[in-house]
C-alpha atoms as a PDB file:
ATOM      1  CA  MET A   1       0.324   0.130   0.197  1.00  0.00           C
ATOM      2  CA  THR A   2       1.499   3.544  -1.374  1.00  0.00           C
ATOM      3  CA  ALA A   3       2.023   5.976   1.775  1.00  0.00           C
ATOM      4  CA  LYS A   4      -0.102   8.869   1.598  1.00  0.00           C
ATOM      5  CA  ILE A   5       2.225  11.556   2.132  1.00  0.00           C
ATOM      6  CA  VAL A   6       6.213  11.439   1.809  1.00  0.00           C
ATOM      7  CA  ARG A   7       8.269  11.561   5.183  1.00  0.00           C
ATOM      8  CA  ALA A   8      10.446  14.512   4.501  1.00  0.00           C
ATOM      9  CA  LYS A   9      14.092  13.565   4.643  1.00  0.00           C
ATOM     10  CA  LYS A  10      16.795  16.154   6.201  1.00  0.00           C
ATOM     11  CA  HIS A  11      19.523  14.186   4.343  1.00  0.00           C
ATOM     12  CA  LEU A  12      18.259  15.256   1.344  1.00  0.00           C
ATOM     13  CA  GLY A  13      17.656  18.837   2.547  1.00  0.00           C
ATOM     14  CA  GLN A  14      13.450  18.158   1.689  1.00  0.00           C
ATOM     15  CA  HIS A  15      11.143  20.383   2.736  1.00  0.00           C
ATOM     16  CA  PHE A  16       7.680  20.169   1.103  1.00  0.00           C
ATOM     17  CA  LEU A  17       5.965  23.399  -0.492  1.00  0.00           C
ATOM     18  CA  ASN A  18       1.821  23.248   0.289  1.00  0.00           C
ATOM     19  CA  ASP A  19       1.104  26.269  -1.094  1.00  0.00           C
ATOM     20  CA  GLU A  20      -0.927  25.718  -4.328  1.00  0.00           C
ATOM     21  CA  GLY A  21      -0.914  29.311  -4.568  1.00  0.00           C
ATOM     22  CA  ILE A  22       2.736  29.667  -5.243  1.00  0.00           C
ATOM     23  CA  ALA A  23       3.605  26.837  -6.808  1.00  0.00           C
ATOM     24  CA  GLN A  24       1.208  27.924  -9.653  1.00  0.00           C
ATOM     25  CA  GLN A  25       3.083  31.210  -9.426  1.00  0.00           C
ATOM     26  CA  ILE A  26       6.727  29.415  -9.724  1.00  0.00           C
ATOM     27  CA  VAL A  27       5.061  27.397 -13.026  1.00  0.00           C
ATOM     28  CA  ALA A  28       3.690  30.683 -14.161  1.00  0.00           C
ATOM     29  CA  ALA A  29       7.448  32.143 -14.705  1.00  0.00           C
ATOM     30  CA  LEU A  30       7.944  29.254 -17.466  1.00  0.00           C
ATOM     31  CA  GLN A  31       5.815  31.262 -19.391  1.00  0.00           C
ATOM     32  CA  CYS A  32       8.164  33.775 -21.160  1.00  0.00           C
ATOM     33  CA  ASN A  33       9.681  34.841 -24.165  1.00  0.00           C
ATOM     34  CA  VAL A  34      11.941  31.875 -24.277  1.00  0.00           C
ATOM     35  CA  LYS A  35      11.825  28.906 -26.397  1.00  0.00           C
ATOM     36  CA  PHE A  36      12.034  25.538 -24.921  1.00  0.00           C
ATOM     37  CA  THR A  37      11.050  21.937 -26.092  1.00  0.00           C
ATOM     38  CA  ASN A  38      11.185  20.283 -22.549  1.00  0.00           C
ATOM     39  CA  VAL A  39      10.480  20.450 -19.063  1.00  0.00           C
ATOM     40  CA  LEU A  40      12.680  19.168 -16.228  1.00  0.00           C
ATOM     41  CA  GLU A  41      11.947  19.346 -13.053  1.00  0.00           C
ATOM     42  CA  ILE A  42      14.546  18.210  -9.846  1.00  0.00           C
ATOM     43  CA  GLY A  43      13.333  16.844  -6.693  1.00  0.00           C
ATOM     44  CA  ALA A  44       9.186  16.777  -7.225  1.00  0.00           C
ATOM     45  CA  GLY A  45       8.598  15.318  -3.797  1.00  0.00           C
ATOM     46  CA  MET A  46       4.824  14.899  -3.478  1.00  0.00           C
ATOM     47  CA  GLY A  47       3.700  16.503  -6.991  1.00  0.00           C
ATOM     48  CA  VAL A  48       3.030  20.119  -6.004  1.00  0.00           C
ATOM     49  CA  LEU A  49       4.650  21.715  -9.205  1.00  0.00           C
ATOM     50  CA  THR A  50       4.282  18.400 -11.068  1.00  0.00           C
ATOM     51  CA  LYS A  51       0.715  18.833 -11.393  1.00  0.00           C
ATOM     52  CA  TYR A  52       0.820  22.146 -13.030  1.00  0.00           C
ATOM     53  CA  ILE A  53       3.701  21.242 -15.100  1.00  0.00           C
ATOM     54  CA  LEU A  54       1.992  18.375 -16.613  1.00  0.00           C
ATOM     55  CA  LYS A  55      -0.256  21.202 -17.922  1.00  0.00           C
ATOM     56  CA  LEU A  56       2.112  22.701 -20.153  1.00  0.00           C
ATOM     57  CA  ASP A  57       2.945  21.983 -23.727  1.00  0.00           C
ATOM     58  CA  ALA A  58       6.039  20.497 -23.240  1.00  0.00           C
ATOM     59  CA  LYS A  59       7.428  16.791 -23.176  1.00  0.00           C
ATOM     60  CA  PHE A  60       8.104  16.388 -19.442  1.00  0.00           C
ATOM     61  CA  TYR A  61      10.827  14.667 -17.410  1.00  0.00           C
ATOM     62  CA  LEU A  62      11.517  14.817 -13.773  1.00  0.00           C
ATOM     63  CA  VAL A  63      14.290  13.493 -11.888  1.00  0.00           C
ATOM     64  CA  GLU A  64      13.456  12.444  -8.149  1.00  0.00           C
ATOM     65  CA  ILE A  65      16.428  10.448  -6.166  1.00  0.00           C
ATOM     66  CA  ASP A  66      14.046   9.600  -3.390  1.00  0.00           C
ATOM     67  CA  HIS A  67      12.480   6.179  -3.741  1.00  0.00           C
ATOM     68  CA  GLU A  68       9.266   7.306  -1.506  1.00  0.00           C
ATOM     69  CA  SER A  69       8.559   9.699  -3.544  1.00  0.00           C
ATOM     70  CA  VAL A  70       8.958   8.151  -6.938  1.00  0.00           C
ATOM     71  CA  ALA A  71       6.350   5.444  -5.428  1.00  0.00           C
ATOM     72  CA  TYR A  72       4.269   8.179  -4.329  1.00  0.00           C
ATOM     73  CA  LEU A  73       4.358  10.262  -7.866  1.00  0.00           C
ATOM     74  CA  GLU A  74       4.200   6.489  -9.911  1.00  0.00           C
ATOM     75  CA  SER A  75       0.812   6.107  -7.678  1.00  0.00           C
ATOM     76  CA  ASN A  76      -0.474   9.620  -7.583  1.00  0.00           C
ATOM     77  CA  TYR A  77       0.114  10.667 -11.351  1.00  0.00           C
ATOM     78  CA  PRO A  78      -0.091   8.156 -13.774  1.00  0.00           C
ATOM     79  CA  GLN A  79       0.898   9.791 -16.492  1.00  0.00           C
ATOM     80  CA  LEU A  80       4.386  10.353 -15.388  1.00  0.00           C
ATOM     81  CA  SER A  81       4.675   6.471 -16.481  1.00  0.00           C
ATOM     82  CA  ASN A  82       8.671   6.328 -17.726  1.00  0.00           C
ATOM     83  CA  LYS A  83       9.069   9.805 -17.264  1.00  0.00           C
ATOM     84  CA  ILE A  84      10.451   9.655 -13.740  1.00  0.00           C
ATOM     85  CA  ILE A  85      14.608   9.539 -13.670  1.00  0.00           C
ATOM     86  CA  SER A  86      15.167   7.900  -9.887  1.00  0.00           C
ATOM     87  CA  LYS A  87      19.014   9.306 -10.139  1.00  0.00           C
ATOM     88  CA  ASP A  88      20.971  12.220  -8.851  1.00  0.00           C
ATOM     89  CA  PHE A  89      20.820  14.996 -10.985  1.00  0.00           C
ATOM     90  CA  LEU A  90      24.096  15.926 -10.341  1.00  0.00           C
ATOM     91  CA  LYS A  91      25.659  12.971 -11.536  1.00  0.00           C
ATOM     92  CA  LEU A  92      23.466  13.205 -14.819  1.00  0.00           C
ATOM     93  CA  ASN A  93      24.510  13.056 -18.549  1.00  0.00           C
ATOM     94  CA  LEU A  94      21.756  15.553 -19.564  1.00  0.00           C
ATOM     95  CA  THR A  95      23.044  15.324 -23.457  1.00  0.00           C
ATOM     96  CA  GLN A  96      22.593  11.432 -23.183  1.00  0.00           C
ATOM     97  CA  ILE A  97      18.605  12.097 -21.822  1.00  0.00           C
ATOM     98  CA  ILE A  98      18.001  15.214 -23.478  1.00  0.00           C
ATOM     99  CA  SER A  99      18.780  17.050 -27.376  1.00  0.00           C
ATOM    100  CA  ALA A 100      16.635  19.717 -27.322  1.00  0.00           C
ATOM    101  CA  PRO A 101      16.110  22.807 -25.379  1.00  0.00           C
ATOM    102  CA  VAL A 102      15.197  21.906 -21.571  1.00  0.00           C
ATOM    103  CA  ALA A 103      13.614  24.310 -19.174  1.00  0.00           C
ATOM    104  CA  ILE A 104      14.629  23.184 -15.799  1.00  0.00           C
ATOM    105  CA  ILE A 105      12.485  23.760 -12.587  1.00  0.00           C
ATOM    106  CA  GLY A 106      12.392  22.956  -9.075  1.00  0.00           C
ATOM    107  CA  ASN A 107      11.918  23.517  -5.441  1.00  0.00           C
ATOM    108  CA  PHE A 108      15.470  22.856  -4.986  1.00  0.00           C
ATOM    109  CA  PRO A 109      17.086  20.789  -2.040  1.00  0.00           C
ATOM    110  CA  TYR A 110      18.771  23.489  -0.204  1.00  0.00           C
ATOM    111  CA  ASN A 111      21.591  21.022   0.846  1.00  0.00           C
ATOM    112  CA  ILE A 112      22.403  21.087  -3.358  1.00  0.00           C
ATOM    113  CA  SER A 113      21.365  24.200  -5.268  1.00  0.00           C
ATOM    114  CA  THR A 114      24.498  25.946  -5.458  1.00  0.00           C
ATOM    115  CA  GLU A 115      25.524  22.657  -7.243  1.00  0.00           C
ATOM    116  CA  ILE A 116      22.675  22.883  -9.252  1.00  0.00           C
ATOM    117  CA  LEU A 117      23.739  25.875 -10.692  1.00  0.00           C
ATOM    118  CA  PHE A 118      27.004  24.934 -11.772  1.00  0.00           C
ATOM    119  CA  LYS A 119      25.462  22.032 -13.264  1.00  0.00           C
ATOM    120  CA  VAL A 120      22.942  24.622 -15.084  1.00  0.00           C
ATOM    121  CA  LEU A 121      26.140  26.287 -16.467  1.00  0.00           C
ATOM    122  CA  GLU A 122      27.731  23.109 -17.376  1.00  0.00           C
ATOM    123  CA  ASN A 123      25.055  22.591 -19.625  1.00  0.00           C
ATOM    124  CA  LYS A 124      24.355  26.268 -20.640  1.00  0.00           C
ATOM    125  CA  ASP A 125      24.086  25.374 -24.092  1.00  0.00           C
ATOM    126  CA  LEU A 126      21.039  23.056 -23.680  1.00  0.00           C
ATOM    127  CA  VAL A 127      19.122  25.173 -20.626  1.00  0.00           C
ATOM    128  CA  PRO A 128      17.790  28.156 -21.812  1.00  0.00           C
ATOM    129  CA  LEU A 129      15.994  28.689 -18.559  1.00  0.00           C
ATOM    130  CA  VAL A 130      15.911  27.861 -15.025  1.00  0.00           C
ATOM    131  CA  VAL A 131      13.002  28.915 -12.437  1.00  0.00           C
ATOM    132  CA  GLY A 132      13.431  27.569  -9.076  1.00  0.00           C
ATOM    133  CA  MET A 133      13.196  28.033  -5.277  1.00  0.00           C
ATOM    134  CA  PHE A 134      16.453  28.818  -3.344  1.00  0.00           C
ATOM    135  CA  GLN A 135      17.145  29.403   0.138  1.00  0.00           C
ATOM    136  CA  LYS A 136      16.848  33.359  -0.064  1.00  0.00           C
ATOM    137  CA  GLU A 137      20.291  34.082   0.828  1.00  0.00           C
ATOM    138  CA  VAL A 138      20.997  32.170  -2.307  1.00  0.00           C
ATOM    139  CA  ALA A 139      18.629  33.433  -4.481  1.00  0.00           C
ATOM    140  CA  MET A 140      19.881  37.059  -3.403  1.00  0.00           C
ATOM    141  CA  ARG A 141      23.314  35.790  -4.131  1.00  0.00           C
ATOM    142  CA  VAL A 142      22.534  34.699  -7.639  1.00  0.00           C
ATOM    143  CA  THR A 143      20.746  37.848  -8.344  1.00  0.00           C
ATOM    144  CA  SER A 144      23.291  40.576  -7.053  1.00  0.00           C
ATOM    145  CA  ALA A 145      24.678  43.510  -8.515  1.00  0.00           C
ATOM    146  CA  PRO A 146      28.269  44.519  -8.249  1.00  0.00           C
ATOM    147  CA  GLY A 147      28.769  46.467  -5.213  1.00  0.00           C
ATOM    148  CA  ASN A 148      26.341  44.161  -2.788  1.00  0.00           C
ATOM    149  CA  LYS A 149      27.664  42.330  -0.286  1.00  0.00           C
ATOM    150  CA  ALA A 150      26.031  38.893  -1.676  1.00  0.00           C
ATOM    151  CA  TYR A 151      27.607  39.384  -4.955  1.00  0.00           C
ATOM    152  CA  GLY A 152      30.058  36.965  -5.629  1.00  0.00           C
ATOM    153  CA  ILE A 153      31.395  34.032  -7.383  1.00  0.00           C
ATOM    154  CA  VAL A 154      28.009  31.993  -8.587  1.00  0.00           C
ATOM    155  CA  SER A 155      26.940  35.635  -9.166  1.00  0.00           C
ATOM    156  CA  VAL A 156      29.326  36.378 -11.626  1.00  0.00           C
ATOM    157  CA  LEU A 157      30.161  33.157 -13.442  1.00  0.00           C
ATOM    158  CA  ILE A 158      26.116  32.874 -13.584  1.00  0.00           C
ATOM    159  CA  GLN A 159      25.526  36.021 -14.743  1.00  0.00           C
ATOM    160  CA  ALA A 160      28.138  35.878 -17.466  1.00  0.00           C
ATOM    161  CA  TYR A 161      25.874  33.541 -19.102  1.00  0.00           C
ATOM    162  CA  TYR A 162      21.866  33.979 -18.144  1.00  0.00           C
ATOM    163  CA  ASN A 163      20.156  37.538 -17.188  1.00  0.00           C
ATOM    164  CA  VAL A 164      18.665  37.216 -13.663  1.00  0.00           C
ATOM    165  CA  GLU A 165      15.469  37.844 -11.457  1.00  0.00           C
ATOM    166  CA  TYR A 166      14.686  37.699  -8.480  1.00  0.00           C
ATOM    167  CA  LEU A 167      11.079  36.806  -8.839  1.00  0.00           C
ATOM    168  CA  PHE A 168       9.358  36.625  -4.986  1.00  0.00           C
ATOM    169  CA  THR A 169       9.930  35.969  -1.243  1.00  0.00           C
ATOM    170  CA  VAL A 170       7.957  32.726   0.307  1.00  0.00           C
ATOM    171  CA  ASP A 171       7.832  32.067   3.656  1.00  0.00           C
ATOM    172  CA  ALA A 172       8.792  28.865   5.644  1.00  0.00           C
ATOM    173  CA  GLN A 173       5.632  28.613   7.371  1.00  0.00           C
ATOM    174  CA  VAL A 174       4.488  27.126   3.625  1.00  0.00           C
ATOM    175  CA  PHE A 175       6.406  24.366   3.697  1.00  0.00           C
ATOM    176  CA  THR A 176       6.726  21.096   5.380  1.00  0.00           C
ATOM    177  CA  PRO A 177       8.745  20.782   7.738  1.00  0.00           C
ATOM    178  CA  PRO A 178       9.278  24.773   7.560  1.00  0.00           C
ATOM    179  CA  PRO A 179      12.801  25.787   6.952  1.00  0.00           C
ATOM    180  CA  LYS A 180      14.737  27.795   9.494  1.00  0.00           C
ATOM    181  CA  VAL A 181      15.200  30.113   6.491  1.00  0.00           C
ATOM    182  CA  GLN A 182      12.947  32.178   4.140  1.00  0.00           C
ATOM    183  CA  SER A 183      12.976  31.041   0.388  1.00  0.00           C
ATOM    184  CA  GLY A 184      13.518  32.922  -2.730  1.00  0.00           C
ATOM    185  CA  VAL A 185      12.057  32.056  -6.330  1.00  0.00           C
ATOM    186  CA  ILE A 186      14.435  33.439  -8.989  1.00  0.00           C
ATOM    187  CA  ARG A 187      14.484  33.191 -12.934  1.00  0.00           C
ATOM    188  CA  LEU A 188      17.727  32.567 -15.016  1.00  0.00           C
ATOM    189  CA  THR A 189      16.881  33.092 -18.817  1.00  0.00           C
ATOM    190  CA  ARG A 190      20.178  32.602 -21.054  1.00  0.00           C
ATOM    191  CA  ASN A 191      21.984  35.627 -22.907  1.00  0.00           C
ATOM    192  CA  ASP A 192      23.336  35.952 -26.408  1.00  0.00           C
ATOM    193  CA  VAL A 193      26.666  34.963 -25.024  1.00  0.00           C
ATOM    194  CA  ILE A 194      27.753  31.919 -27.264  1.00  0.00           C
ATOM    195  CA  ALA A 195      30.873  31.996 -25.539  1.00  0.00           C
ATOM    196  CA  LEU A 196      33.031  34.668 -23.267  1.00  0.00           C
ATOM    197  CA  PRO A 197      35.926  36.741 -25.638  1.00  0.00           C
ATOM    198  CA  CYS A 198      38.430  34.972 -22.841  1.00  0.00           C
ATOM    199  CA  ASN A 199      39.814  31.826 -22.029  1.00  0.00           C
ATOM    200  CA  GLU A 200      36.463  30.592 -20.059  1.00  0.00           C
ATOM    201  CA  MET A 201      38.425  28.302 -17.875  1.00  0.00           C
ATOM    202  CA  LEU A 202      40.876  30.854 -17.206  1.00  0.00           C
ATOM    203  CA  PHE A 203      37.997  33.243 -16.388  1.00  0.00           C
ATOM    204  CA  SER A 204      36.040  30.880 -13.856  1.00  0.00           C
ATOM    205  CA  LYS A 205      39.469  30.699 -12.080  1.00  0.00           C
ATOM    206  CA  VAL A 206      40.090  34.111 -11.704  1.00  0.00           C
ATOM    207  CA  VAL A 207      36.363  35.118 -10.357  1.00  0.00           C
ATOM    208  CA  LYS A 208      36.894  32.132  -7.323  1.00  0.00           C
ATOM    209  CA  THR A 209      40.225  33.286  -6.832  1.00  0.00           C
ATOM    210  CA  ALA A 210      39.400  36.834  -6.737  1.00  0.00           C
ATOM    211  CA  PHE A 211      36.575  36.121  -4.323  1.00  0.00           C
ATOM    212  CA  ASN A 212      38.546  33.568  -2.120  1.00  0.00           C
ATOM    213  CA  GLN A 213      40.102  36.913  -0.608  1.00  0.00           C
ATOM    214  CA  ARG A 214      37.140  39.470  -1.285  1.00  0.00           C
ATOM    215  CA  ARG A 215      38.323  41.865   1.601  1.00  0.00           C
ATOM    216  CA  LYS A 216      41.856  42.280  -0.349  1.00  0.00           C
ATOM    217  CA  THR A 217      41.846  44.043  -2.960  1.00  0.00           C
ATOM    218  CA  LEU A 218      42.622  42.359  -6.358  1.00  0.00           C
ATOM    219  CA  ARG A 219      46.480  43.993  -6.339  1.00  0.00           C
ATOM    220  CA  ASN A 220      47.051  41.161  -2.969  1.00  0.00           C
ATOM    221  CA  ALA A 221      43.783  38.526  -4.012  1.00  0.00           C
ATOM    222  CA  LEU A 222      45.412  37.865  -7.590  1.00  0.00           C
ATOM    223  CA  LYS A 223      49.454  37.868  -6.680  1.00  0.00           C
ATOM    224  CA  SER A 224      48.937  34.226  -7.532  1.00  0.00           C
ATOM    225  CA  PHE A 225      49.131  34.919 -11.166  1.00  0.00           C
ATOM    226  CA  ASN A 226      52.104  36.345 -11.098  1.00  0.00           C
ATOM    227  CA  LYS A 227      50.936  39.607 -13.250  1.00  0.00           C
ATOM    228  CA  THR A 228      51.904  43.117 -13.532  1.00  0.00           C
ATOM    229  CA  GLY A 229      50.035  45.695 -14.973  1.00  0.00           C
ATOM    230  CA  LEU A 230      46.635  44.534 -14.542  1.00  0.00           C
ATOM    231  CA  PRO A 231      43.844  46.833 -14.732  1.00  0.00           C
ATOM    232  CA  PHE A 232      41.382  46.760 -11.664  1.00  0.00           C
ATOM    233  CA  MET A 233      44.074  46.372  -9.212  1.00  0.00           C
ATOM    234  CA  ASP A 234      43.261  49.037  -6.761  1.00  0.00           C
ATOM    235  CA  LYS A 235      39.472  47.541  -6.401  1.00  0.00           C
ATOM    236  CA  ARG A 236      38.213  44.908  -4.617  1.00  0.00           C
ATOM    237  CA  ALA A 237      36.499  41.865  -6.537  1.00  0.00           C
ATOM    238  CA  GLU A 238      32.703  42.561  -5.548  1.00  0.00           C
ATOM    239  CA  GLN A 239      33.171  45.872  -7.180  1.00  0.00           C
ATOM    240  CA  LEU A 240      34.099  43.946 -10.825  1.00  0.00           C
ATOM    241  CA  SER A 241      31.127  43.218 -13.095  1.00  0.00           C
ATOM    242  CA  CYS A 242      31.221  40.217 -15.750  1.00  0.00           C
ATOM    243  CA  SER A 243      32.764  42.088 -18.568  1.00  0.00           C
ATOM    244  CA  ASP A 244      35.452  43.855 -16.122  1.00  0.00           C
ATOM    245  CA  PHE A 245      36.435  40.151 -15.250  1.00  0.00           C
ATOM    246  CA  VAL A 246      36.344  39.324 -18.489  1.00  0.00           C
ATOM    247  CA  LEU A 247      38.965  42.122 -19.379  1.00  0.00           C
ATOM    248  CA  LEU A 248      40.804  41.404 -16.559  1.00  0.00           C
ATOM    249  CA  THR A 249      41.385  37.707 -17.652  1.00  0.00           C
ATOM    250  CA  GLN A 250      42.405  38.898 -20.856  1.00  0.00           C
ATOM    251  CA  ALA A 251      45.016  40.898 -19.175  1.00  0.00           C
ATOM    252  CA  ILE A 252      46.170  38.117 -17.562  1.00  0.00           C
ATOM    253  CA  ASP A 253      46.205  35.479 -20.732  1.00  0.00           C
ATOM    254  CA  THR A 254      48.378  37.973 -22.451  1.00  0.00           C
ATOM    255  CA  PRO A 255      51.884  37.109 -22.934  1.00  0.00           C
END
């Protein structure tokens, strides 16, 4: 006999949304001027978003690592037959599963939400749109502009390839169990950057090195690159835009 509810598991970072209105708002955020033919939901839990995603005109995939959730979903949503991928999203090779543009959506587990974003970056040419619920602190970090204390590594790396929007805040009391923090829903839409005009691996290294010592000026934070005459050396990492980091990377890469 299938359980009527799924037990939220702390080690999976599960907090189940129980507000139907908010669920509808999240799914409605997929309706924007971005073309996609597939939708992939990560961590469906008991299907609060799933029921609305199924109404969309798109091929639907669902990744759920919790076997109890998978059993619940298969029992309550028979139309999901053969559409559930019961694996760890972070270990999936998306290109082996999906070949056309895919929008990613979910009430993402807080303990792996940043890793999910980096996985999206790895597949940026396949993923034109992301709508997700994150811990508010992470959502603010992703969408922050230069000069803000929340602005950091993930801000720069995501904003290099995506336009970012903070959509709305969600109170802890609409979850079971309630998390100890507020949540934020954000939307990422792929920008027109096919490739940065610099060495992209070096770009990532420069950004990470700069922010790992964010209180220091770049002259001190980037000493390991052993380069002189670089731009922005009197500034701190949080003062630089994505385009500034591109210029800095180009300068470091110049013989």
